[in-house]
């Protein structure tokens, strides 16, 4: 799927039974890019996507947000969440 520049997404955290869940920590997509939609069920009103770290900028400067995007290497991926109402 294609994500537009300035799309808001949320970092991930491990929770119950080692499932991944969205947090309240926001990131922004820095440029239009490709991402992979994941078929995870634990996100409530959000969907999980796999995206290159280099395409993300933290909006909330916290340890959790920075760890999700650092180091922003070209070929390293992370899992973030976007709202389901986003056209996908």
C-alpha atoms as a PDB file:
ATOM      1  CA  UNK A   1       0.000   0.000   0.000  1.00  0.00           C
ATOM      2  CA  UNK A   2       1.079   3.606  -0.545  1.00  0.00           C
ATOM      3  CA  UNK A   3       1.205   6.016   2.365  1.00  0.00           C
ATOM      4  CA  UNK A   4       1.056   9.726   1.749  1.00  0.00           C
ATOM      5  CA  UNK A   5       3.443  12.235   3.270  1.00  0.00           C
ATOM      6  CA  UNK A   6       2.276  13.539   6.683  1.00  0.00           C
ATOM      7  CA  UNK A   7       0.198  10.435   7.487  1.00  0.00           C
ATOM      8  CA  UNK A   8      -0.096  10.078  11.270  1.00  0.00           C
ATOM      9  CA  UNK A   9       0.765   6.680  12.709  1.00  0.00           C
ATOM     10  CA  UNK A  10       1.324   5.234  16.180  1.00  0.00           C
ATOM     11  CA  UNK A  11       4.178   3.214  17.681  1.00  0.00           C
ATOM     12  CA  UNK A  12       3.794  -0.387  18.860  1.00  0.00           C
ATOM     13  CA  UNK A  13       4.233  -2.069  22.221  1.00  0.00           C
ATOM     14  CA  UNK A  14       4.151  -5.690  23.326  1.00  0.00           C
ATOM     15  CA  UNK A  15       1.207  -6.570  25.513  1.00  0.00           C
ATOM     16  CA  UNK A  16      -0.905  -9.493  26.622  1.00  0.00           C
ATOM     17  CA  UNK A  17       0.398 -12.875  25.317  1.00  0.00           C
ATOM     18  CA  UNK A  18       3.207 -11.006  23.479  1.00  0.00           C
ATOM     19  CA  UNK A  19       0.756  -9.491  20.990  1.00  0.00           C
ATOM     20  CA  UNK A  20       1.640  -6.085  19.556  1.00  0.00           C
ATOM     21  CA  UNK A  21      -0.677  -3.155  20.294  1.00  0.00           C
ATOM     22  CA  UNK A  22      -0.776   0.501  19.199  1.00  0.00           C
ATOM     23  CA  UNK A  23       0.285   3.165  21.690  1.00  0.00           C
ATOM     24  CA  UNK A  24      -0.608   6.855  21.932  1.00  0.00           C
ATOM     25  CA  UNK A  25       2.899   7.870  20.741  1.00  0.00           C
ATOM     26  CA  UNK A  26       2.577   9.528  17.331  1.00  0.00           C
ATOM     27  CA  UNK A  27       4.877   9.423  14.321  1.00  0.00           C
ATOM     28  CA  UNK A  28       4.510  11.131  10.965  1.00  0.00           C
ATOM     29  CA  UNK A  29       5.398   9.737   7.540  1.00  0.00           C
ATOM     30  CA  UNK A  30       8.099  12.039   6.148  1.00  0.00           C
ATOM     31  CA  UNK A  31       7.568  11.258   2.450  1.00  0.00           C
ATOM     32  CA  UNK A  32       5.243   9.228   0.257  1.00  0.00           C
ATOM     33  CA  UNK A  33       6.303   5.601   0.523  1.00  0.00           C
ATOM     34  CA  UNK A  34       5.317   1.958   0.309  1.00  0.00           C
ATOM     35  CA  UNK A  35       4.236   0.016   3.386  1.00  0.00           C
ATOM     36  CA  UNK A  36       2.937  -3.483   3.938  1.00  0.00           C
ATOM     37  CA  UNK A  37      -0.468  -3.909   5.561  1.00  0.00           C
ATOM     38  CA  UNK A  38      -0.397  -6.699   8.162  1.00  0.00           C
ATOM     39  CA  UNK A  39      -3.371  -8.901   8.989  1.00  0.00           C
ATOM     40  CA  UNK A  40      -3.175  -8.518  12.752  1.00  0.00           C
ATOM     41  CA  UNK A  41      -6.326  -8.421  14.880  1.00  0.00           C
ATOM     42  CA  UNK A  42      -5.183  -6.677  18.062  1.00  0.00           C
ATOM     43  CA  UNK A  43      -5.352  -3.044  16.973  1.00  0.00           C
ATOM     44  CA  UNK A  44      -8.931  -2.026  17.746  1.00  0.00           C
ATOM     45  CA  UNK A  45      -9.718   0.846  15.359  1.00  0.00           C
ATOM     46  CA  UNK A  46      -6.191   0.821  13.886  1.00  0.00           C
ATOM     47  CA  UNK A  47      -4.382  -1.438  11.409  1.00  0.00           C
ATOM     48  CA  UNK A  48      -0.757  -2.561  11.627  1.00  0.00           C
ATOM     49  CA  UNK A  49       1.683  -1.725   8.852  1.00  0.00           C
ATOM     50  CA  UNK A  50       5.331  -2.574   8.230  1.00  0.00           C
ATOM     51  CA  UNK A  51       7.331   0.455   7.120  1.00  0.00           C
ATOM     52  CA  UNK A  52      10.964   1.469   6.718  1.00  0.00           C
ATOM     53  CA  UNK A  53      12.208   3.458   9.711  1.00  0.00           C
ATOM     54  CA  UNK A  54      13.762   6.059   7.421  1.00  0.00           C
ATOM     55  CA  UNK A  55      10.247   7.209   6.446  1.00  0.00           C
ATOM     56  CA  UNK A  56       9.168   8.092  10.005  1.00  0.00           C
ATOM     57  CA  UNK A  57       9.641  11.129  12.224  1.00  0.00           C
ATOM     58  CA  UNK A  58       8.517  11.111  15.893  1.00  0.00           C
ATOM     59  CA  UNK A  59       5.914  13.736  16.787  1.00  0.00           C
ATOM     60  CA  UNK A  60       6.028  12.864  20.475  1.00  0.00           C
ATOM     61  CA  UNK A  61       9.585  12.854  21.732  1.00  0.00           C
ATOM     62  CA  UNK A  62       9.626   9.962  24.159  1.00  0.00           C
ATOM     63  CA  UNK A  63      11.946   7.018  24.698  1.00  0.00           C
ATOM     64  CA  UNK A  64       9.384   4.674  23.130  1.00  0.00           C
ATOM     65  CA  UNK A  65       8.930   6.772  19.977  1.00  0.00           C
ATOM     66  CA  UNK A  66      12.648   7.270  19.488  1.00  0.00           C
ATOM     67  CA  UNK A  67      13.383   3.538  19.958  1.00  0.00           C
ATOM     68  CA  UNK A  68      10.817   2.680  17.269  1.00  0.00           C
ATOM     69  CA  UNK A  69      12.570   4.784  14.621  1.00  0.00           C
ATOM     70  CA  UNK A  70      16.230   4.690  15.704  1.00  0.00           C
ATOM     71  CA  UNK A  71      18.493   4.128  14.020  1.00  0.00           C
ATOM     72  CA  UNK A  72      16.715   5.235  10.847  1.00  0.00           C
ATOM     73  CA  UNK A  73      18.622   2.930   8.527  1.00  0.00           C
ATOM     74  CA  UNK A  74      17.629   2.447   4.919  1.00  0.00           C
ATOM     75  CA  UNK A  75      16.766  -1.213   5.202  1.00  0.00           C
ATOM     76  CA  UNK A  76      15.342  -1.609   8.716  1.00  0.00           C
ATOM     77  CA  UNK A  77      11.606  -1.973   9.244  1.00  0.00           C
ATOM     78  CA  UNK A  78       9.305  -1.286  12.174  1.00  0.00           C
ATOM     79  CA  UNK A  79       5.631  -1.923  12.887  1.00  0.00           C
ATOM     80  CA  UNK A  80       3.349   1.081  13.322  1.00  0.00           C
ATOM     81  CA  UNK A  81      -0.410   1.571  13.287  1.00  0.00           C
ATOM     82  CA  UNK A  82      -2.688   3.829  11.241  1.00  0.00           C
ATOM     83  CA  UNK A  83      -6.389   4.581  11.643  1.00  0.00           C
ATOM     84  CA  UNK A  84      -8.711   2.182   9.812  1.00  0.00           C
ATOM     85  CA  UNK A  85     -10.494   5.108   8.148  1.00  0.00           C
ATOM     86  CA  UNK A  86      -7.285   5.734   6.167  1.00  0.00           C
ATOM     87  CA  UNK A  87      -7.905   4.653   2.562  1.00  0.00           C
ATOM     88  CA  UNK A  88      -6.137   1.316   2.159  1.00  0.00           C
END
